Amino acid sequence: MTISIVTGAPGWLGTRLVHALANGVAGVPALGPTDRKTRCLVLPDVDASELEQLGAEIVRGDVTDPASLARLFDGATDATVFHSAGVIHPTRGVRQFHEVNAVGTQHMLAAAKAARIRRFVHVSSNSPIGTNASPDQVFDEQAPYHPYMGYGKTKMLAEQAVRAATDFEFAIIRPPWFYGPGQPPRQSLFFAMIRDGKLPIVGSGENRRSMAYVDNICQGLLLCDRVAKAAGNIYWIADRTPYTMNEIVATVEQVLERDFQIAVAHKTRRLPGFASSVAYGIDAMTQGMGLYLQKIHVLSEMNKTIACTIAKAEAELGFDPKVALDEGMRRSIAWVLERGPIPPS
């Protein structure tokens, strides 16, 4: 039986992808479940019960340990690999970016070659391309590499390694800031800061951000597996249009009040645009020293436009994102509240 191999589960996107493989993508009848077996690479000592309930086979290992990948690829001839494992906010300094994002991807590619898989679908990011040069610009797939900090550099190296593969087909997706059920604590904190009027808006707030609801990303991933033309191509996968930071905040405020009757402060902390420039300088300096300060890094991006067009994915894959910001945030907040109140900010 042909299998699907998934890395990055039980992380946020990896787990949603396993749901999509098991149950199909809601609203997209052509992407229903198949009889393929799903096999997940899961770090040792990490809870995989949700994946097991979905029928996935669990292989314990780590992309940084090539010896641990042998069982993951056992009998994987003609398999599809969905490689979503990666480090966005490292806990062991910036070297972790390189160990996981760059070298880990190289290990996966070597194991995939030895196993003679069919297609390697790689989850990249907007970060290898960086930030838009002007507020009205949107990135397409021809945009040159201009990586943003350590994460962007290592995701660029991973992309380049995938693109150099010649022993199997590949496809690469570049999802930007994503959101939706299953989110990590940092996204719940985002809701709490908006609720409490503590979220900083840097500059005018009219800078635009492309965002991607997680199930829209899963649709893109499955299309990259099932559409023949995807082979050898890169696609931006996001919601249909970018949103301004002001629009993002206003939407979360509206959803909290309208759908969940949660009182909102209707305030933001307005910071001058140079606050992000100062944070950028500190971020560059500390990362140059091998250190990573998550809040400083996030602040450095807050006044940037990071916007893309999904026209190529629409034309070649038939990509049709079904969920936009208002409904996506409603589902995301509902998921949080099912597990308890939104935490204090």
C-alpha atoms as a PDB file:
ATOM      1  CA  MET A   1       0.000   0.000   0.000  1.00  0.00           C
ATOM      2  CA  THR A   2       1.260   3.495  -0.855  1.00  0.00           C
ATOM      3  CA  ILE A   3       1.846   5.652   2.198  1.00  0.00           C
ATOM      4  CA  SER A   4       1.932   9.331   3.117  1.00  0.00           C
ATOM      5  CA  ILE A   5       4.804  10.355   5.370  1.00  0.00           C
ATOM      6  CA  VAL A   6       4.281  13.422   7.553  1.00  0.00           C
ATOM      7  CA  THR A   7       6.870  15.295   9.598  1.00  0.00           C
ATOM      8  CA  GLY A   8       6.036  18.102  11.977  1.00  0.00           C
ATOM      9  CA  ALA A   9       3.238  16.257  13.772  1.00  0.00           C
ATOM     10  CA  PRO A  10       1.915  16.539  16.423  1.00  0.00           C
ATOM     11  CA  GLY A  11       2.729  20.171  15.726  1.00  0.00           C
ATOM     12  CA  TRP A  12       0.052  22.600  14.640  1.00  0.00           C
ATOM     13  CA  LEU A  13       0.115  22.227  10.863  1.00  0.00           C
ATOM     14  CA  GLY A  14       1.256  18.602  10.863  1.00  0.00           C
ATOM     15  CA  THR A  15      -1.697  17.519  12.988  1.00  0.00           C
ATOM     16  CA  ARG A  16      -4.216  19.413  10.815  1.00  0.00           C
ATOM     17  CA  LEU A  17      -2.668  17.748   7.767  1.00  0.00           C
ATOM     18  CA  VAL A  18      -3.132  14.291   9.300  1.00  0.00           C
ATOM     19  CA  HIS A  19      -6.791  15.224   9.916  1.00  0.00           C
ATOM     20  CA  ALA A  20      -7.083  16.226   6.243  1.00  0.00           C
ATOM     21  CA  LEU A  21      -5.457  13.002   5.048  1.00  0.00           C
ATOM     22  CA  ALA A  22      -7.830  10.963   7.214  1.00  0.00           C
ATOM     23  CA  ASN A  23     -11.043  12.910   6.620  1.00  0.00           C
ATOM     24  CA  GLY A  24     -10.516  15.086   3.543  1.00  0.00           C
ATOM     25  CA  VAL A  25     -10.669  18.875   3.327  1.00  0.00           C
ATOM     26  CA  ALA A  26     -14.030  20.400   4.266  1.00  0.00           C
ATOM     27  CA  GLY A  27     -15.719  22.089   1.331  1.00  0.00           C
ATOM     28  CA  VAL A  28     -13.404  20.476  -1.227  1.00  0.00           C
ATOM     29  CA  PRO A  29     -15.047  17.201  -2.349  1.00  0.00           C
ATOM     30  CA  ALA A  30     -12.175  16.423  -4.730  1.00  0.00           C
ATOM     31  CA  LEU A  31      -9.828  16.206  -1.747  1.00  0.00           C
ATOM     32  CA  GLY A  32     -11.592  13.479   0.170  1.00  0.00           C
ATOM     33  CA  PRO A  33      -9.858  10.768   2.179  1.00  0.00           C
ATOM     34  CA  THR A  34      -7.943   7.998   0.426  1.00  0.00           C
ATOM     35  CA  ASP A  35      -6.990   4.466   1.434  1.00  0.00           C
ATOM     36  CA  ARG A  36      -3.360   5.471   1.933  1.00  0.00           C
ATOM     37  CA  LYS A  37      -1.683   4.763   5.234  1.00  0.00           C
ATOM     38  CA  THR A  38      -0.296   7.819   7.032  1.00  0.00           C
ATOM     39  CA  ARG A  39       3.007   7.486   8.856  1.00  0.00           C
ATOM     40  CA  CYS A  40       4.210  10.288  11.163  1.00  0.00           C
ATOM     41  CA  LEU A  41       7.676  11.074  12.459  1.00  0.00           C
ATOM     42  CA  VAL A  42       7.211  12.061  16.100  1.00  0.00           C
ATOM     43  CA  LEU A  43       9.875  13.184  18.534  1.00  0.00           C
ATOM     44  CA  PRO A  44      10.609  10.788  21.411  1.00  0.00           C
ATOM     45  CA  ASP A  45       8.462  11.318  24.512  1.00  0.00           C
ATOM     46  CA  VAL A  46       5.965  13.582  22.717  1.00  0.00           C
ATOM     47  CA  ASP A  47       2.270  12.698  23.069  1.00  0.00           C
ATOM     48  CA  ALA A  48       1.005  11.232  19.786  1.00  0.00           C
ATOM     49  CA  SER A  49      -2.415  10.060  20.979  1.00  0.00           C
ATOM     50  CA  GLU A  50      -4.378  12.383  18.683  1.00  0.00           C
ATOM     51  CA  LEU A  51      -2.447  11.105  15.668  1.00  0.00           C
ATOM     52  CA  GLU A  52      -3.018   7.498  16.740  1.00  0.00           C
ATOM     53  CA  GLN A  53      -6.756   8.154  17.067  1.00  0.00           C
ATOM     54  CA  LEU A  54      -6.679   9.299  13.434  1.00  0.00           C
ATOM     55  CA  GLY A  55      -5.173   5.965  12.423  1.00  0.00           C
ATOM     56  CA  ALA A  56      -1.624   7.210  11.821  1.00  0.00           C
ATOM     57  CA  GLU A  57       1.356   4.954  12.338  1.00  0.00           C
ATOM     58  CA  ILE A  58       3.854   6.567  14.716  1.00  0.00           C
ATOM     59  CA  VAL A  59       7.605   6.344  14.165  1.00  0.00           C
ATOM     60  CA  ARG A  60       9.744   7.875  16.876  1.00  0.00           C
ATOM     61  CA  GLY A  61      12.672   9.880  15.574  1.00  0.00           C
ATOM     62  CA  ASP A  62      14.116  13.275  14.777  1.00  0.00           C
ATOM     63  CA  VAL A  63      15.051  14.894  11.469  1.00  0.00           C
ATOM     64  CA  THR A  64      18.379  15.879  13.036  1.00  0.00           C
ATOM     65  CA  ASP A  65      19.211  12.179  13.557  1.00  0.00           C
ATOM     66  CA  PRO A  66      19.493  10.468  10.157  1.00  0.00           C
ATOM     67  CA  ALA A  67      19.725   6.995  11.700  1.00  0.00           C
ATOM     68  CA  SER A  68      16.251   7.446  13.192  1.00  0.00           C
ATOM     69  CA  LEU A  69      14.715   7.948   9.733  1.00  0.00           C
ATOM     70  CA  ALA A  70      15.320   4.381   8.494  1.00  0.00           C
ATOM     71  CA  ARG A  71      12.048   2.993   9.874  1.00  0.00           C
ATOM     72  CA  LEU A  72      10.134   6.089   8.741  1.00  0.00           C
ATOM     73  CA  PHE A  73      11.024   5.267   5.133  1.00  0.00           C
ATOM     74  CA  ASP A  74      10.759   1.479   5.384  1.00  0.00           C
ATOM     75  CA  GLY A  75       8.679   0.261   2.439  1.00  0.00           C
ATOM     76  CA  ALA A  76       8.112   3.847   1.278  1.00  0.00           C
ATOM     77  CA  THR A  77       8.623   3.311  -2.450  1.00  0.00           C
ATOM     78  CA  ASP A  78       6.291   5.665  -4.338  1.00  0.00           C
ATOM     79  CA  ALA A  79       5.276   7.416  -1.110  1.00  0.00           C
ATOM     80  CA  THR A  80       4.521  11.111  -0.785  1.00  0.00           C
ATOM     81  CA  VAL A  81       6.460  12.961   1.901  1.00  0.00           C
ATOM     82  CA  PHE A  82       4.883  16.038   3.493  1.00  0.00           C
ATOM     83  CA  HIS A  83       7.789  17.724   5.245  1.00  0.00           C
ATOM     84  CA  SER A  84       6.423  20.327   7.645  1.00  0.00           C
ATOM     85  CA  ALA A  85       8.898  19.911  10.511  1.00  0.00           C
ATOM     86  CA  GLY A  86      10.756  23.095  11.314  1.00  0.00           C
ATOM     87  CA  VAL A  87      11.771  25.501  14.053  1.00  0.00           C
ATOM     88  CA  ILE A  88      10.288  29.014  13.969  1.00  0.00           C
ATOM     89  CA  HIS A  89      11.164  30.186  17.477  1.00  0.00           C
ATOM     90  CA  PRO A  90      14.185  28.231  18.742  1.00  0.00           C
ATOM     91  CA  THR A  91      14.718  27.353  22.387  1.00  0.00           C
ATOM     92  CA  ARG A  92      18.434  26.533  22.089  1.00  0.00           C
ATOM     93  CA  GLY A  93      19.711  29.564  20.214  1.00  0.00           C
ATOM     94  CA  VAL A  94      19.927  30.251  16.490  1.00  0.00           C
ATOM     95  CA  ARG A  95      21.997  27.118  15.802  1.00  0.00           C
ATOM     96  CA  GLN A  96      18.721  25.208  16.167  1.00  0.00           C
ATOM     97  CA  PHE A  97      17.464  26.911  12.989  1.00  0.00           C
ATOM     98  CA  HIS A  98      20.321  25.332  11.031  1.00  0.00           C
ATOM     99  CA  GLU A  99      20.156  21.938  12.731  1.00  0.00           C
ATOM    100  CA  VAL A 100      16.436  21.442  12.058  1.00  0.00           C
ATOM    101  CA  ASN A 101      15.454  23.595   9.089  1.00  0.00           C
ATOM    102  CA  ALA A 102      18.517  23.146   6.877  1.00  0.00           C
ATOM    103  CA  VAL A 103      20.380  20.005   7.947  1.00  0.00           C
ATOM    104  CA  GLY A 104      17.195  18.200   8.992  1.00  0.00           C
ATOM    105  CA  THR A 105      15.734  18.755   5.529  1.00  0.00           C
ATOM    106  CA  GLN A 106      18.923  17.412   3.939  1.00  0.00           C
ATOM    107  CA  HIS A 107      18.615  14.261   6.051  1.00  0.00           C
ATOM    108  CA  MET A 108      15.002  13.838   4.941  1.00  0.00           C
ATOM    109  CA  LEU A 109      15.964  14.268   1.287  1.00  0.00           C
ATOM    110  CA  ALA A 110      18.727  11.674   1.554  1.00  0.00           C
ATOM    111  CA  ALA A 111      16.380   9.162   3.172  1.00  0.00           C
ATOM    112  CA  ALA A 112      13.689   9.908   0.584  1.00  0.00           C
ATOM    113  CA  LYS A 113      16.176   9.276  -2.231  1.00  0.00           C
ATOM    114  CA  ALA A 114      17.236   5.936  -0.767  1.00  0.00           C
ATOM    115  CA  ALA A 115      13.592   4.873  -0.380  1.00  0.00           C
ATOM    116  CA  ARG A 116      12.659   5.899  -3.961  1.00  0.00           C
ATOM    117  CA  ILE A 117       9.667   7.969  -2.968  1.00  0.00           C
ATOM    118  CA  ARG A 118       7.386   9.560  -5.576  1.00  0.00           C
ATOM    119  CA  ARG A 119       7.004  13.178  -4.429  1.00  0.00           C
ATOM    120  CA  PHE A 120       8.428  15.403  -1.682  1.00  0.00           C
ATOM    121  CA  VAL A 121       6.067  18.229  -0.680  1.00  0.00           C
ATOM    122  CA  HIS A 122       8.013  20.755   1.337  1.00  0.00           C
ATOM    123  CA  VAL A 123       6.549  23.397   3.660  1.00  0.00           C
ATOM    124  CA  SER A 124       8.641  26.552   3.385  1.00  0.00           C
ATOM    125  CA  SER A 125       7.719  30.089   4.486  1.00  0.00           C
ATOM    126  CA  ASN A 126       7.552  33.696   3.404  1.00  0.00           C
ATOM    127  CA  SER A 127      10.805  34.292   5.313  1.00  0.00           C
ATOM    128  CA  PRO A 128      13.231  33.169   2.559  1.00  0.00           C
ATOM    129  CA  ILE A 129      11.789  35.977   0.423  1.00  0.00           C
ATOM    130  CA  GLY A 130      11.737  38.517   3.236  1.00  0.00           C
ATOM    131  CA  THR A 131       9.539  41.591   3.409  1.00  0.00           C
ATOM    132  CA  ASN A 132       7.971  43.626   0.618  1.00  0.00           C
ATOM    133  CA  ALA A 133       9.938  46.593  -0.681  1.00  0.00           C
ATOM    134  CA  SER A 134       6.831  48.801  -0.725  1.00  0.00           C
ATOM    135  CA  PRO A 135       3.360  48.646   0.873  1.00  0.00           C
ATOM    136  CA  ASP A 136       1.627  47.982  -2.459  1.00  0.00           C
ATOM    137  CA  GLN A 137       3.947  45.198  -3.630  1.00  0.00           C
ATOM    138  CA  VAL A 138       2.920  41.538  -3.549  1.00  0.00           C
ATOM    139  CA  PHE A 139       5.317  38.637  -3.896  1.00  0.00           C
ATOM    140  CA  ASP A 140       4.841  36.048  -6.623  1.00  0.00           C
ATOM    141  CA  GLU A 141       6.877  32.906  -7.220  1.00  0.00           C
ATOM    142  CA  GLN A 142       9.498  34.826  -9.228  1.00  0.00           C
ATOM    143  CA  ALA A 143      10.475  37.018  -6.272  1.00  0.00           C
ATOM    144  CA  PRO A 144      14.189  36.621  -5.485  1.00  0.00           C
ATOM    145  CA  TYR A 145      15.531  35.296  -2.227  1.00  0.00           C
ATOM    146  CA  HIS A 146      16.073  37.984   0.404  1.00  0.00           C
ATOM    147  CA  PRO A 147      15.883  35.997   3.631  1.00  0.00           C
ATOM    148  CA  TYR A 148      14.751  37.563   6.880  1.00  0.00           C
ATOM    149  CA  MET A 149      17.118  36.726   9.745  1.00  0.00           C
ATOM    150  CA  GLY A 150      18.251  33.235  10.756  1.00  0.00           C
ATOM    151  CA  TYR A 151      14.946  31.524  10.189  1.00  0.00           C
ATOM    152  CA  GLY A 152      14.667  32.911   6.661  1.00  0.00           C
ATOM    153  CA  LYS A 153      18.244  31.937   5.802  1.00  0.00           C
ATOM    154  CA  THR A 154      17.817  28.336   6.910  1.00  0.00           C
ATOM    155  CA  LYS A 155      14.445  27.977   5.202  1.00  0.00           C
ATOM    156  CA  MET A 156      16.092  29.315   2.036  1.00  0.00           C
ATOM    157  CA  LEU A 157      18.815  26.661   2.351  1.00  0.00           C
ATOM    158  CA  ALA A 158      16.122  24.025   2.785  1.00  0.00           C
ATOM    159  CA  GLU A 159      14.280  25.242  -0.328  1.00  0.00           C
ATOM    160  CA  GLN A 160      17.490  25.181  -2.337  1.00  0.00           C
ATOM    161  CA  ALA A 161      18.230  21.623  -1.218  1.00  0.00           C
ATOM    162  CA  VAL A 162      14.734  20.482  -2.217  1.00  0.00           C
ATOM    163  CA  ARG A 163      14.964  22.226  -5.592  1.00  0.00           C
ATOM    164  CA  ALA A 164      18.263  20.452  -6.280  1.00  0.00           C
ATOM    165  CA  ALA A 165      16.697  17.012  -5.795  1.00  0.00           C
ATOM    166  CA  THR A 166      16.673  14.957  -8.990  1.00  0.00           C
ATOM    167  CA  ASP A 167      15.678  11.478  -7.817  1.00  0.00           C
ATOM    168  CA  PHE A 168      12.010  12.220  -7.148  1.00  0.00           C
ATOM    169  CA  GLU A 169       9.413  14.900  -7.799  1.00  0.00           C
ATOM    170  CA  PHE A 170       9.115  17.860  -5.461  1.00  0.00           C
ATOM    171  CA  ALA A 171       6.730  20.711  -4.775  1.00  0.00           C
ATOM    172  CA  ILE A 172       7.232  23.606  -2.369  1.00  0.00           C
ATOM    173  CA  ILE A 173       4.607  25.742  -0.665  1.00  0.00           C
ATOM    174  CA  ARG A 174       5.247  29.081   1.023  1.00  0.00           C
ATOM    175  CA  PRO A 175       2.562  29.765   3.605  1.00  0.00           C
ATOM    176  CA  PRO A 176       2.821  33.087   5.468  1.00  0.00           C
ATOM    177  CA  TRP A 177       1.523  33.769   8.995  1.00  0.00           C
ATOM    178  CA  PHE A 178      -1.022  31.050   9.626  1.00  0.00           C
ATOM    179  CA  TYR A 179      -3.866  30.715  12.092  1.00  0.00           C
ATOM    180  CA  GLY A 180      -6.651  28.350  13.058  1.00  0.00           C
ATOM    181  CA  PRO A 181      -7.537  25.493  15.424  1.00  0.00           C
ATOM    182  CA  GLY A 182      -4.671  23.691  17.082  1.00  0.00           C
ATOM    183  CA  GLN A 183      -2.700  26.871  17.568  1.00  0.00           C
ATOM    184  CA  PRO A 184       0.234  27.120  19.992  1.00  0.00           C
ATOM    185  CA  PRO A 185       0.123  29.306  23.099  1.00  0.00           C
ATOM    186  CA  ARG A 186       1.674  32.287  21.309  1.00  0.00           C
ATOM    187  CA  GLN A 187      -1.485  32.631  19.191  1.00  0.00           C
ATOM    188  CA  SER A 188      -3.728  32.467  22.253  1.00  0.00           C
ATOM    189  CA  LEU A 189      -1.618  35.246  23.758  1.00  0.00           C
ATOM    190  CA  PHE A 190      -2.282  37.271  20.592  1.00  0.00           C
ATOM    191  CA  PHE A 191      -6.026  37.043  21.274  1.00  0.00           C
ATOM    192  CA  ALA A 192      -5.517  37.957  24.926  1.00  0.00           C
ATOM    193  CA  MET A 193      -3.461  41.037  24.053  1.00  0.00           C
ATOM    194  CA  ILE A 194      -6.125  42.234  21.616  1.00  0.00           C
ATOM    195  CA  ARG A 195      -8.871  41.622  24.183  1.00  0.00           C
ATOM    196  CA  ASP A 196      -6.969  43.549  26.849  1.00  0.00           C
ATOM    197  CA  GLY A 197      -5.841  46.416  24.611  1.00  0.00           C
ATOM    198  CA  LYS A 198      -2.157  45.528  24.942  1.00  0.00           C
ATOM    199  CA  LEU A 199      -1.254  44.581  21.380  1.00  0.00           C
ATOM    200  CA  PRO A 200       1.306  46.991  19.912  1.00  0.00           C
ATOM    201  CA  ILE A 201       0.535  48.496  16.514  1.00  0.00           C
ATOM    202  CA  VAL A 202       3.745  49.862  15.033  1.00  0.00           C
ATOM    203  CA  GLY A 203       3.328  52.778  12.671  1.00  0.00           C
ATOM    204  CA  SER A 204      -0.005  53.329  10.954  1.00  0.00           C
ATOM    205  CA  GLY A 205      -1.150  49.712  11.074  1.00  0.00           C
ATOM    206  CA  GLU A 206      -1.883  49.880   7.359  1.00  0.00           C
ATOM    207  CA  ASN A 207       0.976  47.513   6.504  1.00  0.00           C
ATOM    208  CA  ARG A 208      -0.467  44.371   4.924  1.00  0.00           C
ATOM    209  CA  ARG A 209       0.038  40.769   5.943  1.00  0.00           C
ATOM    210  CA  SER A 210      -0.910  37.701   3.975  1.00  0.00           C
ATOM    211  CA  MET A 211      -2.293  35.054   6.307  1.00  0.00           C
ATOM    212  CA  ALA A 212      -3.302  31.437   5.784  1.00  0.00           C
ATOM    213  CA  TYR A 213      -6.004  29.532   7.617  1.00  0.00           C
ATOM    214  CA  VAL A 214      -4.569  26.099   8.455  1.00  0.00           C
ATOM    215  CA  ASP A 215      -7.123  24.122   6.459  1.00  0.00           C
ATOM    216  CA  ASN A 216      -6.435  26.328   3.420  1.00  0.00           C
ATOM    217  CA  ILE A 217      -2.783  25.295   3.789  1.00  0.00           C
ATOM    218  CA  CYS A 218      -3.806  21.638   4.018  1.00  0.00           C
ATOM    219  CA  GLN A 219      -5.771  22.050   0.808  1.00  0.00           C
ATOM    220  CA  GLY A 220      -2.638  23.400  -0.864  1.00  0.00           C
ATOM    221  CA  LEU A 221      -0.536  20.518   0.438  1.00  0.00           C
ATOM    222  CA  LEU A 222      -2.928  17.859  -0.816  1.00  0.00           C
ATOM    223  CA  LEU A 223      -3.182  19.547  -4.201  1.00  0.00           C
ATOM    224  CA  CYS A 224       0.616  19.552  -4.438  1.00  0.00           C
ATOM    225  CA  ASP A 225       0.473  15.802  -3.956  1.00  0.00           C
ATOM    226  CA  ARG A 226      -2.421  15.034  -6.296  1.00  0.00           C
ATOM    227  CA  VAL A 227      -1.967  17.502  -9.173  1.00  0.00           C
ATOM    228  CA  ALA A 228       0.611  16.320 -11.691  1.00  0.00           C
ATOM    229  CA  LYS A 229       1.574  19.851 -12.731  1.00  0.00           C
ATOM    230  CA  ALA A 230       2.733  20.657  -9.208  1.00  0.00           C
ATOM    231  CA  ALA A 231       5.914  18.649  -9.737  1.00  0.00           C
ATOM    232  CA  GLY A 232       8.951  20.929  -9.765  1.00  0.00           C
ATOM    233  CA  ASN A 233       6.991  24.025  -8.756  1.00  0.00           C
ATOM    234  CA  ILE A 234       6.772  26.509  -5.893  1.00  0.00           C
ATOM    235  CA  TYR A 235       3.464  28.016  -4.745  1.00  0.00           C
ATOM    236  CA  TRP A 236       2.404  30.742  -2.381  1.00  0.00           C
ATOM    237  CA  ILE A 237      -0.466  29.279  -0.358  1.00  0.00           C
ATOM    238  CA  ALA A 238      -2.511  31.799   1.629  1.00  0.00           C
ATOM    239  CA  ASP A 239      -5.946  33.313   2.070  1.00  0.00           C
ATOM    240  CA  ARG A 240      -7.159  35.024  -1.069  1.00  0.00           C
ATOM    241  CA  THR A 241      -6.203  38.574  -0.101  1.00  0.00           C
ATOM    242  CA  PRO A 242      -3.783  40.176   2.376  1.00  0.00           C
ATOM    243  CA  TYR A 243      -5.126  42.015   5.434  1.00  0.00           C
ATOM    244  CA  THR A 244      -3.871  45.184   7.097  1.00  0.00           C
ATOM    245  CA  MET A 245      -2.765  44.919  10.718  1.00  0.00           C
ATOM    246  CA  ASN A 246      -5.625  47.248  11.648  1.00  0.00           C
ATOM    247  CA  GLU A 247      -8.059  44.916   9.891  1.00  0.00           C
ATOM    248  CA  ILE A 248      -6.666  41.855  11.659  1.00  0.00           C
ATOM    249  CA  VAL A 249      -7.052  43.452  15.081  1.00  0.00           C
ATOM    250  CA  ALA A 250     -10.534  44.800  14.332  1.00  0.00           C
ATOM    251  CA  THR A 251     -11.667  41.386  13.103  1.00  0.00           C
ATOM    252  CA  VAL A 252     -10.503  39.627  16.273  1.00  0.00           C
ATOM    253  CA  GLU A 253     -12.218  42.293  18.399  1.00  0.00           C
ATOM    254  CA  GLN A 254     -15.446  41.861  16.459  1.00  0.00           C
ATOM    255  CA  VAL A 255     -15.394  38.064  16.669  1.00  0.00           C
ATOM    256  CA  LEU A 256     -14.693  38.097  20.417  1.00  0.00           C
ATOM    257  CA  GLU A 257     -17.652  40.408  21.067  1.00  0.00           C
ATOM    258  CA  ARG A 258     -20.136  39.222  18.441  1.00  0.00           C
ATOM    259  CA  ASP A 259     -19.653  35.485  18.618  1.00  0.00           C
ATOM    260  CA  PHE A 260     -18.430  34.906  22.164  1.00  0.00           C
ATOM    261  CA  GLN A 261     -19.724  37.913  24.154  1.00  0.00           C
ATOM    262  CA  ILE A 262     -16.226  38.643  25.458  1.00  0.00           C
ATOM    263  CA  ALA A 263     -15.621  42.240  26.507  1.00  0.00           C
ATOM    264  CA  VAL A 264     -12.882  43.959  24.530  1.00  0.00           C
ATOM    265  CA  ALA A 265     -10.862  47.001  25.561  1.00  0.00           C
ATOM    266  CA  HIS A 266     -10.849  48.470  22.023  1.00  0.00           C
ATOM    267  CA  LYS A 267      -7.402  49.898  22.590  1.00  0.00           C
ATOM    268  CA  THR A 268      -3.996  49.270  21.065  1.00  0.00           C
ATOM    269  CA  ARG A 269      -0.543  50.375  22.051  1.00  0.00           C
ATOM    270  CA  ARG A 270       0.541  52.667  19.256  1.00  0.00           C
ATOM    271  CA  LEU A 271       4.276  52.722  18.700  1.00  0.00           C
ATOM    272  CA  PRO A 272       6.203  54.808  16.167  1.00  0.00           C
ATOM    273  CA  GLY A 273       7.489  53.010  13.108  1.00  0.00           C
ATOM    274  CA  PHE A 274      11.097  53.259  14.213  1.00  0.00           C
ATOM    275  CA  ALA A 275      10.321  50.895  17.129  1.00  0.00           C
ATOM    276  CA  SER A 276      10.452  48.009  14.659  1.00  0.00           C
ATOM    277  CA  SER A 277      13.673  49.378  13.190  1.00  0.00           C
ATOM    278  CA  VAL A 278      15.262  49.432  16.639  1.00  0.00           C
ATOM    279  CA  ALA A 279      13.998  45.892  17.303  1.00  0.00           C
ATOM    280  CA  TYR A 280      15.416  44.802  13.944  1.00  0.00           C
ATOM    281  CA  GLY A 281      18.852  46.080  14.916  1.00  0.00           C
ATOM    282  CA  ILE A 282      18.728  44.320  18.285  1.00  0.00           C
ATOM    283  CA  ASP A 283      17.461  41.128  16.624  1.00  0.00           C
ATOM    284  CA  ALA A 284      20.286  41.170  14.071  1.00  0.00           C
ATOM    285  CA  MET A 285      22.873  41.771  16.784  1.00  0.00           C
ATOM    286  CA  THR A 286      21.636  39.088  19.158  1.00  0.00           C
ATOM    287  CA  GLN A 287      21.168  36.502  16.420  1.00  0.00           C
ATOM    288  CA  GLY A 288      24.709  37.311  15.293  1.00  0.00           C
ATOM    289  CA  MET A 289      25.782  36.319  18.802  1.00  0.00           C
ATOM    290  CA  GLY A 290      23.857  33.048  18.515  1.00  0.00           C
ATOM    291  CA  LEU A 291      20.979  34.201  20.724  1.00  0.00           C
ATOM    292  CA  TYR A 292      17.280  34.469  19.956  1.00  0.00           C
ATOM    293  CA  LEU A 293      14.822  36.849  21.631  1.00  0.00           C
ATOM    294  CA  GLN A 294      11.342  35.958  20.418  1.00  0.00           C
ATOM    295  CA  LYS A 295       9.523  39.151  21.457  1.00  0.00           C
ATOM    296  CA  ILE A 296      12.204  41.334  19.870  1.00  0.00           C
ATOM    297  CA  HIS A 297      12.058  39.313  16.656  1.00  0.00           C
ATOM    298  CA  VAL A 298       8.268  39.581  16.456  1.00  0.00           C
ATOM    299  CA  LEU A 299       8.391  43.333  17.134  1.00  0.00           C
ATOM    300  CA  SER A 300      10.923  43.766  14.320  1.00  0.00           C
ATOM    301  CA  GLU A 301       8.303  42.535  11.836  1.00  0.00           C
ATOM    302  CA  MET A 302       5.317  44.463  13.154  1.00  0.00           C
ATOM    303  CA  ASN A 303       5.522  47.389  10.728  1.00  0.00           C
ATOM    304  CA  LYS A 304       6.492  45.300   7.699  1.00  0.00           C
ATOM    305  CA  THR A 305       4.330  44.383   4.720  1.00  0.00           C
ATOM    306  CA  ILE A 306       4.553  40.672   3.899  1.00  0.00           C
ATOM    307  CA  ALA A 307       2.013  40.094   1.145  1.00  0.00           C
ATOM    308  CA  CYS A 308       1.757  37.571  -1.668  1.00  0.00           C
ATOM    309  CA  THR A 309      -0.460  36.576  -4.574  1.00  0.00           C
ATOM    310  CA  ILE A 310      -1.906  33.078  -4.852  1.00  0.00           C
ATOM    311  CA  ALA A 311      -2.676  33.445  -8.580  1.00  0.00           C
ATOM    312  CA  LYS A 312      -0.287  30.677  -9.642  1.00  0.00           C
ATOM    313  CA  ALA A 313      -1.745  28.188  -7.162  1.00  0.00           C
ATOM    314  CA  GLU A 314      -5.257  29.085  -8.285  1.00  0.00           C
ATOM    315  CA  ALA A 315      -4.381  28.641 -11.979  1.00  0.00           C
ATOM    316  CA  GLU A 316      -2.233  25.516 -11.799  1.00  0.00           C
ATOM    317  CA  LEU A 317      -3.523  23.646  -8.756  1.00  0.00           C
ATOM    318  CA  GLY A 318      -7.137  24.768  -8.657  1.00  0.00           C
ATOM    319  CA  PHE A 319      -6.422  26.138  -5.176  1.00  0.00           C
ATOM    320  CA  ASP A 320      -9.559  27.735  -3.744  1.00  0.00           C
ATOM    321  CA  PRO A 321      -9.202  28.878  -0.120  1.00  0.00           C
ATOM    322  CA  LYS A 322     -12.542  28.327   1.558  1.00  0.00           C
ATOM    323  CA  VAL A 323     -12.007  30.192   4.827  1.00  0.00           C
ATOM    324  CA  ALA A 324     -11.126  33.869   5.229  1.00  0.00           C
ATOM    325  CA  LEU A 325     -10.188  35.964   8.243  1.00  0.00           C
ATOM    326  CA  ASP A 326     -13.532  36.447  10.041  1.00  0.00           C
ATOM    327  CA  GLU A 327     -14.614  32.804   9.936  1.00  0.00           C
ATOM    328  CA  GLY A 328     -11.086  31.555  10.498  1.00  0.00           C
ATOM    329  CA  MET A 329     -10.671  33.652  13.619  1.00  0.00           C
ATOM    330  CA  ARG A 330     -14.086  32.532  14.862  1.00  0.00           C
ATOM    331  CA  ARG A 331     -13.043  28.887  14.551  1.00  0.00           C
ATOM    332  CA  SER A 332      -9.669  29.584  16.106  1.00  0.00           C
ATOM    333  CA  ILE A 333     -11.123  31.352  19.146  1.00  0.00           C
ATOM    334  CA  ALA A 334     -13.787  28.647  19.531  1.00  0.00           C
ATOM    335  CA  TRP A 335     -11.035  26.023  19.640  1.00  0.00           C
ATOM    336  CA  VAL A 336      -9.259  27.947  22.408  1.00  0.00           C
ATOM    337  CA  LEU A 337     -12.424  28.390  24.456  1.00  0.00           C
ATOM    338  CA  GLU A 338     -13.262  24.699  24.223  1.00  0.00           C
ATOM    339  CA  ARG A 339     -10.109  24.147  26.256  1.00  0.00           C
ATOM    340  CA  GLY A 340     -10.671  26.898  28.791  1.00  0.00           C
ATOM    341  CA  PRO A 341     -10.774  30.678  28.959  1.00  0.00           C
ATOM    342  CA  ILE A 342      -8.394  32.813  26.953  1.00  0.00           C
ATOM    343  CA  PRO A 343      -5.444  33.292  29.298  1.00  0.00           C
ATOM    344  CA  PRO A 344      -4.460  36.651  30.756  1.00  0.00           C
ATOM    345  CA  SER A 345      -2.111  38.774  28.697  1.00  0.00           C
END
